[in-house]
């Protein structure tokens, strides 16, 4: 009952199977985190298009030289994965969507050493991402509930829990703070991205960029 009392309203609008999975994550959550972004000068419609095209978003992230360098791939069922090729991977499933709000179920892993831990760290996450046109520009609010895998809950790993939480919170805030930045850059001058994305070699990202930013 305590969990139900804190249940966000969007959970009641999710498909039953996804809702049960989300509730399970919330009940077992080791970490809960929330962050908001400073306003950015980018149109809401532009950001919506970028959210719908993760391979393009990853290519633009790389062009902006944010670290780590992410590569994205899409799955036939609509899910998509990110990989920094250095041991950090995640798969995201969009389980709820309405204008200005998207909810994902995420499965991620950081291989041994990636977070400076002597073991790999696997986790399941519920991520609620809300965004809107504010008085001074595009703003967003991100909430996450993270349930670590059972191996991390062992006695050996316990001294690392505070460190893992700190690294995750720092990383999520960093990612969220930069999500709109490449949209802002691209909207100011899309052609700055064009040559780099062509050289990058992702035909899907190039096609999406041309459709979103160069189509007359």
Protein backbone atom coordinates (compact mmCIF):
# COMPACT_ATOMS: atom_id res chain seq x y z
CA UNK A 1 0.00 0.00 0.00
CA UNK A 2 2.86 2.36 0.72
CA UNK A 3 4.19 1.89 -2.81
CA UNK A 4 0.71 2.29 -4.32
CA UNK A 5 0.23 5.58 -2.44
CA UNK A 6 3.34 6.93 -4.15
CA UNK A 7 2.53 5.46 -7.54
CA UNK A 8 2.74 8.10 -10.30
CA UNK A 9 -0.50 8.58 -12.22
CA UNK A 10 1.09 7.58 -15.53
CA UNK A 11 1.49 3.98 -14.34
CA UNK A 12 -2.27 3.47 -14.49
CA UNK A 13 -2.19 4.33 -18.20
CA UNK A 14 0.55 1.86 -19.14
CA UNK A 15 -0.06 -1.61 -20.64
CA UNK A 16 -0.63 -4.15 -17.83
CA UNK A 17 2.60 -6.10 -18.36
CA UNK A 18 4.73 -2.94 -18.48
CA UNK A 19 2.92 -1.58 -15.42
CA UNK A 20 3.72 -4.72 -13.43
CA UNK A 21 7.35 -4.53 -14.46
CA UNK A 22 7.49 -0.86 -13.48
CA UNK A 23 5.89 -1.53 -10.10
CA UNK A 24 8.38 -4.32 -9.45
CA UNK A 25 11.27 -1.92 -10.11
CA UNK A 26 9.73 0.70 -7.83
CA UNK A 27 9.21 -1.81 -5.01
CA UNK A 28 12.82 -3.00 -5.22
CA UNK A 29 14.40 0.35 -6.06
CA UNK A 30 17.82 0.87 -4.54
CA UNK A 31 18.13 4.42 -5.87
CA UNK A 32 15.56 7.10 -6.73
CA UNK A 33 16.72 10.22 -8.52
CA UNK A 34 15.24 13.39 -10.01
CA UNK A 35 16.82 16.17 -12.04
CA UNK A 36 15.66 19.17 -14.08
CA UNK A 37 17.33 21.09 -16.89
CA UNK A 38 17.99 24.74 -17.47
CA UNK A 39 15.98 26.28 -20.36
CA UNK A 40 17.33 25.73 -23.87
CA UNK A 41 16.51 27.64 -27.05
CA UNK A 42 15.16 24.75 -29.09
CA UNK A 43 11.64 24.06 -30.30
CA UNK A 44 9.61 21.35 -28.62
CA UNK A 45 8.76 19.89 -32.05
CA UNK A 46 12.47 19.51 -32.85
CA UNK A 47 13.14 17.65 -29.62
CA UNK A 48 10.16 15.37 -30.23
CA UNK A 49 11.66 14.39 -33.59
CA UNK A 50 15.05 13.70 -32.02
CA UNK A 51 13.47 11.51 -29.34
CA UNK A 52 11.82 9.51 -32.12
CA UNK A 53 15.17 8.98 -33.90
CA UNK A 54 17.73 7.70 -31.36
CA UNK A 55 20.39 6.83 -33.94
CA UNK A 56 20.40 10.43 -35.09
CA UNK A 57 20.51 11.62 -31.49
CA UNK A 58 23.54 9.43 -30.80
CA UNK A 59 25.31 10.70 -33.95
CA UNK A 60 24.70 14.31 -32.93
CA UNK A 61 25.89 13.52 -29.39
CA UNK A 62 29.17 12.25 -30.84
CA UNK A 63 29.54 15.32 -33.04
CA UNK A 64 29.20 17.56 -29.96
CA UNK A 65 32.08 15.54 -28.43
CA UNK A 66 30.15 14.70 -25.28
CA UNK A 67 31.60 11.75 -23.40
CA UNK A 68 31.20 8.88 -23.47
CA UNK A 69 30.71 8.44 -27.22
CA UNK A 70 27.41 6.61 -27.62
CA UNK A 71 26.30 4.47 -30.54
CA UNK A 72 22.64 3.55 -30.89
CA UNK A 73 20.87 0.67 -32.60
CA UNK A 74 17.17 0.04 -33.05
CA UNK A 75 15.24 -3.20 -32.62
CA UNK A 76 12.31 -4.54 -34.67
CA UNK A 77 9.97 -4.19 -31.67
CA UNK A 78 10.71 -0.46 -31.37
CA UNK A 79 13.17 -0.70 -28.48
CA UNK A 80 16.63 0.77 -28.91
CA UNK A 81 20.04 0.22 -27.39
CA UNK A 82 23.04 2.39 -26.63
CA UNK A 83 26.64 1.28 -26.29
CA UNK A 84 29.74 3.32 -25.54
CA UNK A 85 31.93 0.39 -26.77
CA UNK A 86 33.82 0.53 -23.46
CA UNK A 87 31.55 -1.55 -21.28
CA UNK A 88 28.49 0.62 -20.76
CA UNK A 89 25.31 -0.65 -22.45
CA UNK A 90 21.58 -0.12 -22.12
CA UNK A 91 18.32 -1.06 -23.83
CA UNK A 92 15.30 1.23 -23.61
CA UNK A 93 11.65 0.36 -24.24
CA UNK A 94 9.11 3.15 -24.59
CA UNK A 95 6.09 1.99 -22.57
CA UNK A 96 4.08 5.20 -22.25
CA UNK A 97 3.86 8.33 -24.37
CA UNK A 98 1.78 11.44 -24.59
CA UNK A 99 2.74 14.97 -25.70
CA UNK A 100 5.47 16.17 -23.36
CA UNK A 101 5.93 12.90 -21.49
CA UNK A 102 7.70 9.63 -22.23
CA UNK A 103 8.28 6.66 -19.92
CA UNK A 104 10.93 4.00 -20.52
CA UNK A 105 11.81 0.66 -19.02
CA UNK A 106 15.59 0.31 -19.16
CA UNK A 107 17.96 -2.60 -18.74
CA UNK A 108 21.58 -1.58 -18.37
CA UNK A 109 24.96 -2.97 -17.50
CA UNK A 110 28.35 -1.51 -16.72
CA UNK A 111 31.01 -4.16 -17.19
CA UNK A 112 33.64 -4.80 -14.54
CA UNK A 113 35.90 -1.79 -14.18
CA UNK A 114 33.65 0.56 -16.17
CA UNK A 115 32.50 2.26 -12.96
CA UNK A 116 35.81 1.50 -11.27
CA UNK A 117 34.24 -1.45 -9.47
CA UNK A 118 35.75 -4.98 -9.39
CA UNK A 119 32.44 -6.47 -10.63
CA UNK A 120 29.90 -5.73 -13.34
CA UNK A 121 26.86 -3.68 -12.36
CA UNK A 122 23.52 -4.59 -13.91
CA UNK A 123 20.30 -2.73 -13.26
CA UNK A 124 16.70 -2.27 -14.33
CA UNK A 125 15.31 1.24 -14.40
CA UNK A 126 11.99 3.01 -14.71
CA UNK A 127 12.54 6.42 -16.30
CA UNK A 128 9.93 9.15 -16.55
CA UNK A 129 10.90 12.05 -18.84
CA UNK A 130 8.68 15.14 -18.95
CA UNK A 131 9.41 18.16 -21.15
CA UNK A 132 7.70 21.40 -22.08
CA UNK A 133 8.06 24.88 -23.53
CA UNK A 134 8.70 27.10 -20.55
CA UNK A 135 8.82 30.87 -20.28
CA UNK A 136 12.50 30.91 -21.22
CA UNK A 137 12.70 27.88 -23.53
CA UNK A 138 12.70 24.10 -23.57
CA UNK A 139 12.79 22.52 -20.11
CA UNK A 140 12.63 18.96 -18.83
CA UNK A 141 12.27 16.88 -15.69
CA UNK A 142 13.66 13.36 -15.35
CA UNK A 143 12.77 10.84 -12.64
CA UNK A 144 14.41 7.43 -12.32
CA UNK A 145 13.90 4.39 -10.11
CA UNK A 146 16.82 1.91 -10.22
CA UNK A 147 16.85 -1.70 -9.00
CA UNK A 148 20.32 -3.23 -9.00
CA UNK A 149 20.80 -6.88 -9.88
CA UNK A 150 21.13 -9.37 -7.03
CA UNK A 151 24.88 -9.80 -7.47
CA UNK A 152 25.48 -6.17 -6.58
CA UNK A 153 23.48 -6.59 -3.39
CA UNK A 154 26.00 -9.10 -2.02
CA UNK A 155 28.16 -8.40 1.01
CA UNK A 156 31.28 -7.75 -1.07
CA UNK A 157 29.51 -5.08 -3.09
CA UNK A 158 27.89 -3.19 -0.22
CA UNK A 159 30.78 -0.80 0.38
CA UNK A 160 30.41 0.33 -3.24
CA UNK A 161 26.67 1.10 -3.07
CA UNK A 162 27.08 4.76 -2.15
CA UNK A 163 29.70 5.18 -4.83
CA UNK A 164 27.53 3.49 -7.47
CA UNK A 165 24.57 5.68 -6.55
CA UNK A 166 26.69 8.82 -6.73
CA UNK A 167 28.11 7.89 -10.11
CA UNK A 168 24.67 7.03 -11.48
CA UNK A 169 23.08 10.26 -10.25
CA UNK A 170 25.96 12.31 -11.63
CA UNK A 171 25.82 10.50 -14.97
CA UNK A 172 22.04 10.81 -15.38
CA UNK A 173 22.13 14.51 -14.58
CA UNK A 174 24.95 14.98 -17.09
CA UNK A 175 23.09 13.09 -19.83
CA UNK A 176 19.84 14.92 -19.21
CA UNK A 177 21.57 18.28 -19.17
CA UNK A 178 23.08 17.63 -22.59
CA UNK A 179 20.09 16.02 -24.32
CA UNK A 180 18.66 19.35 -25.48
CA UNK A 181 22.05 20.91 -26.13
CA UNK A 182 22.69 19.14 -29.43
CA UNK A 183 19.12 19.96 -30.48
CA UNK A 184 19.80 23.61 -29.69
CA UNK A 185 23.07 23.53 -31.63
CA UNK A 186 21.46 21.82 -34.62
CA UNK A 187 18.55 24.23 -34.74
CA UNK A 188 20.91 27.21 -34.78
CA UNK A 189 22.85 25.90 -37.77
CA UNK A 190 21.97 22.41 -39.02
CA UNK A 191 24.62 22.42 -41.74
CA UNK A 192 27.32 22.33 -39.07
CA UNK A 193 26.25 18.75 -38.34
CA UNK A 194 25.67 17.59 -41.89
CA UNK A 195 29.22 16.84 -43.03
CA UNK A 196 30.15 15.10 -39.79
CA UNK A 197 27.08 12.86 -39.88
CA UNK A 198 27.79 11.95 -43.51
CA UNK A 199 31.36 11.00 -42.60
CA UNK A 200 30.17 9.07 -39.56
CA UNK A 201 28.68 6.46 -41.88
CA UNK A 202 25.32 5.77 -40.22
CA UNK A 203 22.95 5.83 -43.18
CA UNK A 204 19.87 5.80 -40.95
CA UNK A 205 21.09 8.80 -38.93
CA UNK A 206 21.93 10.66 -42.14
CA UNK A 207 18.50 9.98 -43.62
CA UNK A 208 16.79 11.12 -40.44
CA UNK A 209 18.89 14.29 -40.27
CA UNK A 210 18.06 15.23 -43.84
CA UNK A 211 14.33 14.65 -43.24
CA UNK A 212 14.26 16.68 -40.02
CA UNK A 213 16.64 19.55 -40.69
CA UNK A 214 17.17 19.86 -44.45
CA UNK A 215 13.80 18.96 -45.95
CA UNK A 216 12.18 22.00 -47.55
